[in-house]
């Protein structure tokens, strides 16, 4: 066996919470029509603190889901999942910690959001099947967010 202290990562997940959740459903007669489901994702780095021996970072992952049959909305779901992470400031720069927060933190929160939405939609009677969030490319999400921010700065 390998001692866990020898393989622990310098970036760790310490907790999460759902800070916003809203689900709206409508009882419509679908006549077996297939619903078109759309997903939108975003994130915000809420805060990074540098303490004596570590960084503490807070990030939120935002998910919006909408299902339509023709032009009628079947359901809408809005979820914001927040996460807290720590990093060893003796081994990570603040920039590296931010990068890990955006990449590893978002990956963690997207999977927690996936499980949450799956459970809630199953319990809410959205079947068959309950809503499964697709896996996302966190690198592309991060890149598109940065491009959008740069574009907004240029327009200001």
Protein backbone atom coordinates (compact mmCIF):
# COMPACT_ATOMS: atom_id res chain seq x y z
CA UNK A 1 0.00 0.00 0.00
CA UNK A 2 1.09 3.55 -0.73
CA UNK A 3 0.87 6.17 2.02
CA UNK A 4 -1.81 8.69 1.07
CA UNK A 5 0.40 11.61 2.15
CA UNK A 6 2.73 10.68 -0.71
CA UNK A 7 0.06 11.05 -3.40
CA UNK A 8 -2.33 13.77 -2.18
CA UNK A 9 -2.92 16.52 -4.73
CA UNK A 10 -2.00 20.13 -3.96
CA UNK A 11 -5.58 21.11 -4.93
CA UNK A 12 -8.48 19.75 -2.86
CA UNK A 13 -12.29 19.95 -2.88
CA UNK A 14 -13.67 20.91 0.52
CA UNK A 15 -17.40 21.29 -0.04
CA UNK A 16 -20.34 22.33 -2.15
CA UNK A 17 -23.88 23.63 -1.90
CA UNK A 18 -26.81 24.40 -4.15
CA UNK A 19 -27.20 28.18 -3.94
CA UNK A 20 -30.03 28.42 -6.48
CA UNK A 21 -32.46 25.87 -7.82
CA UNK A 22 -35.68 26.38 -9.72
CA UNK A 23 -37.75 23.89 -11.66
CA UNK A 24 -40.89 24.67 -13.63
CA UNK A 25 -42.92 21.91 -15.22
CA UNK A 26 -46.09 21.96 -17.29
CA UNK A 27 -48.56 19.20 -17.79
CA UNK A 28 -49.02 19.10 -21.52
CA UNK A 29 -50.33 16.34 -23.65
CA UNK A 30 -47.34 15.32 -25.70
CA UNK A 31 -48.94 12.60 -27.81
CA UNK A 32 -45.61 10.82 -27.66
CA UNK A 33 -43.90 13.80 -29.35
CA UNK A 34 -40.18 14.06 -28.65
CA UNK A 35 -39.02 16.98 -26.55
CA UNK A 36 -36.07 19.10 -27.65
CA UNK A 37 -33.81 19.74 -24.67
CA UNK A 38 -31.29 22.60 -24.67
CA UNK A 39 -28.53 23.24 -22.15
CA UNK A 40 -26.63 26.40 -21.29
CA UNK A 41 -23.65 26.52 -18.95
CA UNK A 42 -21.63 29.26 -17.31
CA UNK A 43 -19.46 29.79 -14.26
CA UNK A 44 -18.13 32.51 -12.01
CA UNK A 45 -15.08 32.54 -9.81
CA UNK A 46 -16.57 34.10 -6.69
CA UNK A 47 -13.46 34.69 -4.60
CA UNK A 48 -9.89 33.59 -4.00
CA UNK A 49 -8.36 34.19 -0.58
CA UNK A 50 -4.72 33.71 0.27
CA UNK A 51 -4.35 32.55 3.85
CA UNK A 52 -1.15 31.82 5.72
CA UNK A 53 -0.61 28.32 4.32
CA UNK A 54 -3.21 27.92 1.56
CA UNK A 55 -5.43 29.44 -1.07
CA UNK A 56 -9.18 29.12 -0.65
CA UNK A 57 -11.29 29.53 -3.76
CA UNK A 58 -15.02 29.66 -4.37
CA UNK A 59 -16.56 29.00 -7.76
CA UNK A 60 -20.09 28.53 -9.03
CA UNK A 61 -21.28 26.40 -11.94
CA UNK A 62 -24.52 27.57 -13.54
CA UNK A 63 -26.79 25.27 -15.52
CA UNK A 64 -29.92 26.21 -17.45
CA UNK A 65 -32.00 23.48 -19.06
CA UNK A 66 -35.10 23.92 -21.19
CA UNK A 67 -37.28 21.29 -22.85
CA UNK A 68 -39.77 22.17 -25.58
CA UNK A 69 -42.26 20.25 -27.61
CA UNK A 70 -42.87 22.31 -30.72
CA UNK A 71 -43.24 25.83 -29.25
CA UNK A 72 -44.52 24.77 -25.84
CA UNK A 73 -42.12 24.69 -22.90
CA UNK A 74 -42.35 21.35 -21.10
CA UNK A 75 -39.92 22.22 -18.30
CA UNK A 76 -37.20 24.68 -17.28
CA UNK A 77 -34.48 24.05 -14.73
CA UNK A 78 -32.01 26.57 -13.30
CA UNK A 79 -29.27 25.31 -11.00
CA UNK A 80 -26.31 27.07 -9.44
CA UNK A 81 -23.87 24.77 -7.66
CA UNK A 82 -21.15 26.44 -5.59
CA UNK A 83 -17.93 24.78 -4.57
CA UNK A 84 -15.07 25.55 -2.21
CA UNK A 85 -11.53 24.39 -2.92
CA UNK A 86 -8.15 24.77 -1.25
CA UNK A 87 -4.64 24.78 -2.67
CA UNK A 88 -1.17 24.53 -1.22
CA UNK A 89 0.32 28.00 -1.67
CA UNK A 90 3.83 26.62 -1.11
CA UNK A 91 3.54 24.59 -4.33
CA UNK A 92 1.02 26.56 -6.42
CA UNK A 93 1.10 30.14 -7.64
CA UNK A 94 -2.13 32.10 -7.43
CA UNK A 95 -2.44 31.87 -11.23
CA UNK A 96 -2.01 28.07 -11.12
CA UNK A 97 -4.58 27.84 -8.35
CA UNK A 98 -7.05 29.91 -10.40
CA UNK A 99 -6.46 27.66 -13.41
CA UNK A 100 -7.05 24.54 -11.29
CA UNK A 101 -10.16 26.13 -9.80
CA UNK A 102 -11.57 26.78 -13.26
CA UNK A 103 -10.63 23.38 -14.69
CA UNK A 104 -10.72 20.86 -11.84
CA UNK A 105 -13.29 22.78 -9.81
CA UNK A 106 -15.69 23.09 -12.72
CA UNK A 107 -15.28 19.43 -13.60
CA UNK A 108 -16.15 18.47 -10.03
CA UNK A 109 -19.16 20.80 -9.88
CA UNK A 110 -20.45 19.71 -13.28
CA UNK A 111 -20.55 16.09 -12.12
CA UNK A 112 -22.24 17.03 -8.83
CA UNK A 113 -24.77 19.08 -10.84
CA UNK A 114 -25.33 16.12 -13.15
CA UNK A 115 -26.17 13.84 -10.20
CA UNK A 116 -28.36 16.51 -8.60
CA UNK A 117 -30.41 17.17 -11.75
CA UNK A 118 -30.80 13.45 -12.43
CA UNK A 119 -32.09 12.83 -8.90
CA UNK A 120 -34.41 15.85 -8.73
CA UNK A 121 -35.95 15.27 -12.14
CA UNK A 122 -36.57 11.61 -11.34
CA UNK A 123 -38.26 12.63 -8.08
CA UNK A 124 -40.21 15.40 -9.87
CA UNK A 125 -41.85 12.97 -12.24
CA UNK A 126 -39.94 14.03 -15.34
CA UNK A 127 -39.84 10.66 -17.04
CA UNK A 128 -38.96 8.82 -19.07
CA UNK A 129 -36.08 9.31 -18.66
CA UNK A 130 -34.99 11.80 -16.00
CA UNK A 131 -32.73 14.61 -17.26
CA UNK A 132 -29.05 13.70 -17.65
CA UNK A 133 -26.70 16.60 -18.13
CA UNK A 134 -24.25 15.92 -20.93
CA UNK A 135 -20.57 15.89 -20.11
CA UNK A 136 -18.98 19.19 -21.04
CA UNK A 137 -15.60 20.20 -22.32
CA UNK A 138 -14.43 22.45 -19.49
CA UNK A 139 -11.49 23.72 -21.59
CA UNK A 140 -13.91 25.02 -24.25
CA UNK A 141 -16.26 26.51 -21.65
CA UNK A 142 -13.35 28.38 -20.09
CA UNK A 143 -12.04 29.53 -23.48
CA UNK A 144 -15.46 30.75 -24.65
CA UNK A 145 -16.03 32.62 -21.37
CA UNK A 146 -12.66 34.38 -21.69
CA UNK A 147 -13.38 35.28 -25.35
CA UNK A 148 -16.80 36.64 -24.38
CA UNK A 149 -15.27 38.73 -21.57
CA UNK A 150 -12.59 40.12 -23.92
CA UNK A 151 -15.25 41.00 -26.48
CA UNK A 152 -17.34 42.76 -23.81
CA UNK A 153 -14.28 44.75 -22.68
CA UNK A 154 -13.60 45.87 -26.26
CA UNK A 155 -17.24 46.98 -26.66
CA UNK A 156 -17.12 49.03 -23.45
